[in-house]
C-alpha atoms as a PDB file:
ATOM      1  CA  MET A   1      58.620 166.225  22.189  1.00  0.00           C
ATOM      2  CA  THR A   2      56.987 163.068  20.897  1.00  0.00           C
ATOM      3  CA  GLY A   3      58.411 159.662  21.557  1.00  0.00           C
ATOM      4  CA  THR A   4      59.794 160.484  25.004  1.00  0.00           C
ATOM      5  CA  PRO A   5      59.093 158.127  27.925  1.00  0.00           C
ATOM      6  CA  ASP A   6      56.849 160.781  29.480  1.00  0.00           C
ATOM      7  CA  ALA A   7      54.810 161.055  26.299  1.00  0.00           C
ATOM      8  CA  ALA A   8      54.538 157.276  26.061  1.00  0.00           C
ATOM      9  CA  GLN A   9      53.425 157.043  29.674  1.00  0.00           C
ATOM     10  CA  GLU A  10      50.828 159.741  29.101  1.00  0.00           C
ATOM     11  CA  ARG A  11      49.439 157.881  26.079  1.00  0.00           C
ATOM     12  CA  GLU A  12      49.278 154.667  28.089  1.00  0.00           C
ATOM     13  CA  ARG A  13      47.547 156.421  30.976  1.00  0.00           C
ATOM     14  CA  GLN A  14      45.000 157.975  28.630  1.00  0.00           C
ATOM     15  CA  ALA A  15      44.383 154.657  26.902  1.00  0.00           C
ATOM     16  CA  ARG A  16      43.774 152.934  30.241  1.00  0.00           C
ATOM     17  CA  GLU A  17      41.359 155.627  31.380  1.00  0.00           C
ATOM     18  CA  ASP A  18      39.508 155.533  28.059  1.00  0.00           C
ATOM     19  CA  ALA A  19      39.171 151.738  28.223  1.00  0.00           C
ATOM     20  CA  ALA A  20      37.880 151.867  31.797  1.00  0.00           C
ATOM     21  CA  SER A  21      35.439 154.620  30.858  1.00  0.00           C
ATOM     22  CA  ARG A  22      34.081 152.542  27.974  1.00  0.00           C
ATOM     23  CA  LEU A  23      33.567 149.596  30.302  1.00  0.00           C
ATOM     24  CA  PHE A  24      31.636 151.687  32.807  1.00  0.00           C
ATOM     25  CA  SER A  25      29.581 153.291  30.029  1.00  0.00           C
ATOM     26  CA  GLY A  26      28.149 149.842  29.371  1.00  0.00           C
ATOM     27  CA  ARG A  27      26.067 147.728  31.715  1.00  0.00           C
ATOM     28  CA  VAL A  28      26.153 148.756  35.380  1.00  0.00           C
ATOM     29  CA  GLU A  29      23.161 147.494  37.325  1.00  0.00           C
ATOM     30  CA  PHE A  30      22.062 147.111  40.926  1.00  0.00           C
ATOM     31  CA  LEU A  31      22.009 143.432  41.888  1.00  0.00           C
ATOM     32  CA  LEU A  32      20.854 143.122  45.491  1.00  0.00           C
ATOM     33  CA  SER A  33      21.132 144.342  49.075  1.00  0.00           C
ATOM     34  CA  ALA A  34      22.457 141.937  51.697  1.00  0.00           C
ATOM     35  CA  PRO A  35      21.488 142.698  55.310  1.00  0.00           C
ATOM     36  CA  GLN A  36      23.136 139.438  56.392  1.00  0.00           C
ATOM     37  CA  LEU A  37      25.893 137.208  55.048  1.00  0.00           C
ATOM     38  CA  LYS A  38      23.436 134.543  53.966  1.00  0.00           C
ATOM     39  CA  PHE A  39      22.065 136.962  51.372  1.00  0.00           C
ATOM     40  CA  LEU A  40      25.409 137.560  49.646  1.00  0.00           C
ATOM     41  CA  PRO A  41      25.499 136.732  45.924  1.00  0.00           C
ATOM     42  CA  ASP A  42      27.507 133.722  44.811  1.00  0.00           C
ATOM     43  CA  PRO A  43      31.232 134.577  44.787  1.00  0.00           C
ATOM     44  CA  THR A  44      31.631 134.161  41.044  1.00  0.00           C
ATOM     45  CA  VAL A  45      33.405 137.429  40.075  1.00  0.00           C
ATOM     46  CA  PRO A  46      35.854 139.855  41.753  1.00  0.00           C
ATOM     47  CA  GLU A  47      34.427 142.518  44.044  1.00  0.00           C
ATOM     48  CA  ILE A  48      35.607 146.048  44.845  1.00  0.00           C
ATOM     49  CA  ALA A  49      34.184 147.389  48.110  1.00  0.00           C
ATOM     50  CA  PHE A  50      33.684 151.041  49.063  1.00  0.00           C
ATOM     51  CA  CYS A  51      33.623 152.131  52.687  1.00  0.00           C
ATOM     52  CA  GLY A  52      33.837 155.381  54.599  1.00  0.00           C
ATOM     53  CA  ARG A  53      32.319 157.511  57.297  1.00  0.00           C
ATOM     54  CA  SER A  54      28.700 158.487  56.894  1.00  0.00           C
ATOM     55  CA  ASN A  55      28.363 161.588  54.719  1.00  0.00           C
ATOM     56  CA  VAL A  56      31.850 161.121  53.198  1.00  0.00           C
ATOM     57  CA  GLY A  57      30.351 161.246  49.714  1.00  0.00           C
ATOM     58  CA  LYS A  58      30.338 157.529  48.952  1.00  0.00           C
ATOM     59  CA  SER A  59      27.130 157.504  46.918  1.00  0.00           C
ATOM     60  CA  SER A  60      28.219 160.556  44.932  1.00  0.00           C
ATOM     61  CA  LEU A  61      31.572 158.916  44.157  1.00  0.00           C
ATOM     62  CA  LEU A  62      29.899 155.692  43.023  1.00  0.00           C
ATOM     63  CA  ASN A  63      27.585 157.690  40.777  1.00  0.00           C
ATOM     64  CA  ALA A  64      30.550 159.602  39.303  1.00  0.00           C
ATOM     65  CA  LEU A  65      32.603 156.445  38.726  1.00  0.00           C
ATOM     66  CA  THR A  66      29.775 154.685  36.937  1.00  0.00           C
ATOM     67  CA  GLY A  67      28.678 157.790  35.041  1.00  0.00           C
ATOM     68  CA  ARG A  68      25.165 157.466  36.436  1.00  0.00           C
ATOM     69  CA  LYS A  69      23.129 160.083  38.229  1.00  0.00           C
ATOM     70  CA  ALA A  70      21.519 157.897  40.838  1.00  0.00           C
ATOM     71  CA  ILE A  71      22.757 154.297  40.704  1.00  0.00           C
ATOM     72  CA  ALA A  72      23.755 154.756  44.350  1.00  0.00           C
ATOM     73  CA  ARG A  73      21.245 156.922  46.149  1.00  0.00           C
ATOM     74  CA  ALA A  74      22.810 159.941  47.807  1.00  0.00           C
ATOM     75  CA  SER A  75      20.980 160.975  50.936  1.00  0.00           C
ATOM     76  CA  VAL A  76      21.007 163.984  53.221  1.00  0.00           C
ATOM     77  CA  THR A  77      20.511 161.504  56.056  1.00  0.00           C
ATOM     78  CA  PRO A  78      23.898 159.986  56.985  1.00  0.00           C
ATOM     79  CA  GLY A  79      23.841 156.306  57.791  1.00  0.00           C
ATOM     80  CA  ARG A  80      21.108 155.457  55.327  1.00  0.00           C
ATOM     81  CA  THR A  81      23.040 152.545  53.835  1.00  0.00           C
ATOM     82  CA  GLN A  82      22.695 149.747  56.382  1.00  0.00           C
ATOM     83  CA  GLU A  83      23.312 146.799  54.094  1.00  0.00           C
ATOM     84  CA  LEU A  84      25.905 145.620  51.596  1.00  0.00           C
ATOM     85  CA  ASN A  85      24.662 146.835  48.210  1.00  0.00           C
ATOM     86  CA  PHE A  86      25.995 145.031  45.134  1.00  0.00           C
ATOM     87  CA  PHE A  87      26.256 146.457  41.622  1.00  0.00           C
ATOM     88  CA  GLU A  88      27.275 144.427  38.563  1.00  0.00           C
ATOM     89  CA  VAL A  89      29.610 145.818  35.904  1.00  0.00           C
ATOM     90  CA  GLY A  90      29.871 144.426  32.376  1.00  0.00           C
ATOM     91  CA  GLU A  91      27.858 142.156  30.096  1.00  0.00           C
ATOM     92  CA  PRO A  92      28.392 139.396  31.020  1.00  0.00           C
ATOM     93  CA  THR A  93      29.259 140.507  34.547  1.00  0.00           C
ATOM     94  CA  LEU A  94      33.008 141.069  34.899  1.00  0.00           C
ATOM     95  CA  PHE A  95      33.077 142.313  38.495  1.00  0.00           C
ATOM     96  CA  ARG A  96      30.942 143.902  41.190  1.00  0.00           C
ATOM     97  CA  LEU A  97      31.044 147.121  43.176  1.00  0.00           C
ATOM     98  CA  VAL A  98      29.997 146.801  46.816  1.00  0.00           C
ATOM     99  CA  ASP A  99      28.611 149.793  48.701  1.00  0.00           C
ATOM    100  CA  MET A 100      29.270 149.120  52.378  1.00  0.00           C
ATOM    101  CA  PRO A 101      27.419 150.676  55.337  1.00  0.00           C
ATOM    102  CA  GLY A 102      28.755 154.062  56.395  1.00  0.00           C
ATOM    103  CA  TYR A 103      30.430 154.142  59.780  1.00  0.00           C
ATOM    104  CA  GLY A 104      30.878 156.735  62.492  1.00  0.00           C
ATOM    105  CA  PHE A 105      27.302 157.993  62.586  1.00  0.00           C
ATOM    106  CA  ALA A 106      26.788 158.763  66.261  1.00  0.00           C
ATOM    107  CA  LYS A 107      22.990 158.946  66.165  1.00  0.00           C
ATOM    108  CA  ALA A 108      22.523 155.349  65.049  1.00  0.00           C
ATOM    109  CA  PRO A 109      21.324 152.990  67.797  1.00  0.00           C
ATOM    110  CA  VAL A 110      24.089 150.950  69.425  1.00  0.00           C
ATOM    111  CA  LYS A 111      22.545 147.641  68.342  1.00  0.00           C
ATOM    112  CA  VAL A 112      22.330 148.862  64.750  1.00  0.00           C
ATOM    113  CA  VAL A 113      25.969 149.963  64.787  1.00  0.00           C
ATOM    114  CA  GLU A 114      27.073 146.603  66.188  1.00  0.00           C
ATOM    115  CA  ARG A 115      25.089 144.782  63.526  1.00  0.00           C
ATOM    116  CA  TRP A 116      26.748 146.863  60.809  1.00  0.00           C
ATOM    117  CA  LYS A 117      30.192 146.226  62.294  1.00  0.00           C
ATOM    118  CA  ASN A 118      29.677 142.477  62.478  1.00  0.00           C
ATOM    119  CA  LEU A 119      28.360 142.345  58.913  1.00  0.00           C
ATOM    120  CA  VAL A 120      31.301 144.374  57.583  1.00  0.00           C
ATOM    121  CA  LYS A 121      33.928 142.444  59.566  1.00  0.00           C
ATOM    122  CA  SER A 122      32.542 139.100  58.463  1.00  0.00           C
ATOM    123  CA  TYR A 123      32.397 140.193  54.829  1.00  0.00           C
ATOM    124  CA  LEU A 124      35.953 141.576  54.851  1.00  0.00           C
ATOM    125  CA  ARG A 125      37.462 138.540  56.531  1.00  0.00           C
ATOM    126  CA  GLY A 126      35.596 135.839  54.679  1.00  0.00           C
ATOM    127  CA  ARG A 127      34.941 137.083  51.142  1.00  0.00           C
ATOM    128  CA  GLN A 128      37.529 135.387  48.944  1.00  0.00           C
ATOM    129  CA  VAL A 129      36.541 137.302  45.792  1.00  0.00           C
ATOM    130  CA  LEU A 130      37.124 140.688  47.459  1.00  0.00           C
ATOM    131  CA  ALA A 131      39.877 142.130  45.260  1.00  0.00           C
ATOM    132  CA  ARG A 132      40.290 145.557  46.845  1.00  0.00           C
ATOM    133  CA  ASN A 133      38.689 147.908  49.329  1.00  0.00           C
ATOM    134  CA  LEU A 134      38.464 151.658  48.868  1.00  0.00           C
ATOM    135  CA  VAL A 135      38.554 153.665  52.102  1.00  0.00           C
ATOM    136  CA  LEU A 136      36.960 157.054  51.473  1.00  0.00           C
ATOM    137  CA  VAL A 137      38.196 159.966  53.588  1.00  0.00           C
ATOM    138  CA  ASP A 138      36.760 163.503  53.542  1.00  0.00           C
ATOM    139  CA  SER A 139      39.506 165.882  52.383  1.00  0.00           C
ATOM    140  CA  ARG A 140      38.215 168.591  54.698  1.00  0.00           C
ATOM    141  CA  HIS A 141      38.761 166.504  57.814  1.00  0.00           C
ATOM    142  CA  GLY A 142      41.499 163.972  57.088  1.00  0.00           C
ATOM    143  CA  LEU A 143      41.683 160.702  58.990  1.00  0.00           C
ATOM    144  CA  LYS A 144      39.401 160.275  61.986  1.00  0.00           C
ATOM    145  CA  GLU A 145      39.680 157.554  64.596  1.00  0.00           C
ATOM    146  CA  VAL A 146      36.864 155.577  62.944  1.00  0.00           C
ATOM    147  CA  ASP A 147      38.858 155.622  59.689  1.00  0.00           C
ATOM    148  CA  ARG A 148      41.909 154.327  61.528  1.00  0.00           C
ATOM    149  CA  GLU A 149      39.769 151.587  63.065  1.00  0.00           C
ATOM    150  CA  MET A 150      38.657 150.526  59.586  1.00  0.00           C
ATOM    151  CA  MET A 151      42.251 150.585  58.338  1.00  0.00           C
ATOM    152  CA  ARG A 152      43.360 148.380  61.225  1.00  0.00           C
ATOM    153  CA  MET A 153      40.485 146.009  60.507  1.00  0.00           C
ATOM    154  CA  LEU A 154      41.588 145.761  56.866  1.00  0.00           C
ATOM    155  CA  ASP A 155      45.211 145.239  57.917  1.00  0.00           C
ATOM    156  CA  GLU A 156      44.148 142.367  60.167  1.00  0.00           C
ATOM    157  CA  ALA A 157      41.990 140.866  57.416  1.00  0.00           C
ATOM    158  CA  ALA A 158      44.916 141.220  54.960  1.00  0.00           C
ATOM    159  CA  VAL A 159      42.636 143.060  52.525  1.00  0.00           C
ATOM    160  CA  GLY A 160      44.543 145.511  50.342  1.00  0.00           C
ATOM    161  CA  TYR A 161      42.980 148.962  50.214  1.00  0.00           C
ATOM    162  CA  ARG A 162      43.280 152.300  48.469  1.00  0.00           C
ATOM    163  CA  ILE A 163      42.640 155.540  50.331  1.00  0.00           C
ATOM    164  CA  VAL A 164      40.467 157.942  48.371  1.00  0.00           C
ATOM    165  CA  LEU A 165      40.187 161.567  49.472  1.00  0.00           C
ATOM    166  CA  THR A 166      36.739 162.867  48.564  1.00  0.00           C
ATOM    167  CA  LYS A 167      35.380 166.427  48.168  1.00  0.00           C
ATOM    168  CA  ALA A 168      38.818 167.701  47.157  1.00  0.00           C
ATOM    169  CA  ASP A 169      37.184 170.728  45.539  1.00  0.00           C
ATOM    170  CA  LYS A 170      35.823 171.909  48.882  1.00  0.00           C
ATOM    171  CA  ILE A 171      39.154 173.086  50.355  1.00  0.00           C
ATOM    172  CA  LYS A 172      42.069 175.249  49.236  1.00  0.00           C
ATOM    173  CA  ALA A 173      44.850 173.587  47.253  1.00  0.00           C
ATOM    174  CA  SER A 174      47.373 174.254  50.027  1.00  0.00           C
ATOM    175  CA  ASP A 175      45.112 172.639  52.627  1.00  0.00           C
ATOM    176  CA  LEU A 176      44.465 169.692  50.324  1.00  0.00           C
ATOM    177  CA  GLU A 177      48.198 169.148  49.907  1.00  0.00           C
ATOM    178  CA  ARG A 178      48.706 169.272  53.665  1.00  0.00           C
ATOM    179  CA  VAL A 179      45.917 166.769  54.344  1.00  0.00           C
ATOM    180  CA  ALA A 180      47.083 164.467  51.539  1.00  0.00           C
ATOM    181  CA  ASN A 181      50.655 164.444  52.850  1.00  0.00           C
ATOM    182  CA  SER A 182      49.453 163.734  56.384  1.00  0.00           C
ATOM    183  CA  VAL A 183      47.204 160.861  55.257  1.00  0.00           C
ATOM    184  CA  ALA A 184      49.947 159.420  53.037  1.00  0.00           C
ATOM    185  CA  ASP A 185      52.443 159.500  55.928  1.00  0.00           C
ATOM    186  CA  GLU A 186      50.012 157.626  58.139  1.00  0.00           C
ATOM    187  CA  ALA A 187      49.045 155.156  55.399  1.00  0.00           C
ATOM    188  CA  ARG A 188      52.663 154.070  55.070  1.00  0.00           C
ATOM    189  CA  LYS A 189      52.406 152.626  58.576  1.00  0.00           C
ATOM    190  CA  HIS A 190      49.628 150.260  57.490  1.00  0.00           C
ATOM    191  CA  PRO A 191      50.734 147.052  55.748  1.00  0.00           C
ATOM    192  CA  ALA A 192      47.590 146.616  53.659  1.00  0.00           C
ATOM    193  CA  ALA A 193      47.355 150.242  52.471  1.00  0.00           C
ATOM    194  CA  PHE A 194      48.141 150.974  48.824  1.00  0.00           C
ATOM    195  CA  PRO A 195      50.939 153.554  48.571  1.00  0.00           C
ATOM    196  CA  GLU A 196      49.118 155.822  46.104  1.00  0.00           C
ATOM    197  CA  LEU A 197      46.435 158.245  47.328  1.00  0.00           C
ATOM    198  CA  HIS A 198      43.534 159.219  45.099  1.00  0.00           C
ATOM    199  CA  LEU A 199      42.351 162.828  45.297  1.00  0.00           C
ATOM    200  CA  THR A 200      38.831 163.116  43.943  1.00  0.00           C
ATOM    201  CA  SER A 201      35.841 165.367  43.534  1.00  0.00           C
ATOM    202  CA  ALA A 202      32.645 163.690  42.393  1.00  0.00           C
ATOM    203  CA  GLU A 203      31.128 167.119  41.718  1.00  0.00           C
ATOM    204  CA  LYS A 204      33.977 168.433  39.555  1.00  0.00           C
ATOM    205  CA  GLY A 205      35.143 165.106  38.109  1.00  0.00           C
ATOM    206  CA  MET A 206      38.623 165.483  39.586  1.00  0.00           C
ATOM    207  CA  GLY A 207      40.529 162.203  39.772  1.00  0.00           C
ATOM    208  CA  ILE A 208      37.523 160.135  38.674  1.00  0.00           C
ATOM    209  CA  ALA A 209      39.039 158.790  35.438  1.00  0.00           C
ATOM    210  CA  ALA A 210      42.224 157.689  37.197  1.00  0.00           C
ATOM    211  CA  LEU A 211      40.286 156.008  40.007  1.00  0.00           C
ATOM    212  CA  ARG A 212      38.039 154.292  37.474  1.00  0.00           C
ATOM    213  CA  ALA A 213      41.107 152.799  35.754  1.00  0.00           C
ATOM    214  CA  ALA A 214      42.529 151.728  39.117  1.00  0.00           C
ATOM    215  CA  VAL A 215      39.281 149.978  40.051  1.00  0.00           C
ATOM    216  CA  VAL A 216      39.257 148.054  36.763  1.00  0.00           C
ATOM    217  CA  ALA A 217      42.914 147.070  37.211  1.00  0.00           C
ATOM    218  CA  ASP A 218      42.238 145.875  40.764  1.00  0.00           C
ATOM    219  CA  ALA A 219      39.222 143.845  39.659  1.00  0.00           C
ATOM    220  CA  LEU A 220      40.437 142.404  36.364  1.00  0.00           C
ATOM    221  CA  GLY A 221      44.221 142.720  36.465  1.00  0.00           C
ATOM    222  CA  GLU A 222      46.588 144.786  34.357  1.00  0.00           C
ATOM    223  CA  GLU A 223      46.341 142.257  31.529  1.00  0.00           C
ATOM    224  CA  TRP A 224      42.769 143.420  30.844  1.00  0.00           C
ATOM    225  CA  PHE A 225      44.179 146.632  29.360  1.00  0.00           C
ATOM    226  CA  ALA A 226      46.552 144.824  26.986  1.00  0.00           C
END
């Protein structure tokens, strides 16, 4: 039945997703890689950071969100991203996406891991334009201790974050529901965690439009959609 609140909400949701999709269909370009804080770009626009365990599907998700095939290079070698990689969205630039180093890759040298940790911690705690962090979690495995460590780090830095379950097409619906409920229960114990989980599949496109709209809202505010 037309005109019901549900129908109105659905139209609003679709309009938001369409607007976000149009924005991402425009200019999205790699800006720079920052191996150290001194190489960070000037903090002139909001930033949305993406983090997760190595091989969680971060590059694939970034490619799906931006509608590009290889703006973020996916690699069969976990731990390839060792720097903060910045991508600009919009013309002129409205906000940036930040691809953070993957964590939890056991084969990386200890000194390399410590350097990554220090870079990430310093960025999270000191970057005033950081609007939101997305913590990517593999649906097949749920939260690992390294994910919990990142969540605690974000809590301490008072950086709000969304939890995004990736590769949701790789497990049965019943298992996905179980993992999602477990992660949501644990997220409620973290003060900086956003209450809504995002279930996504970069390969199948599941949840991508909704996450895209959420990213735009986090970066530019709800008023951007008005």
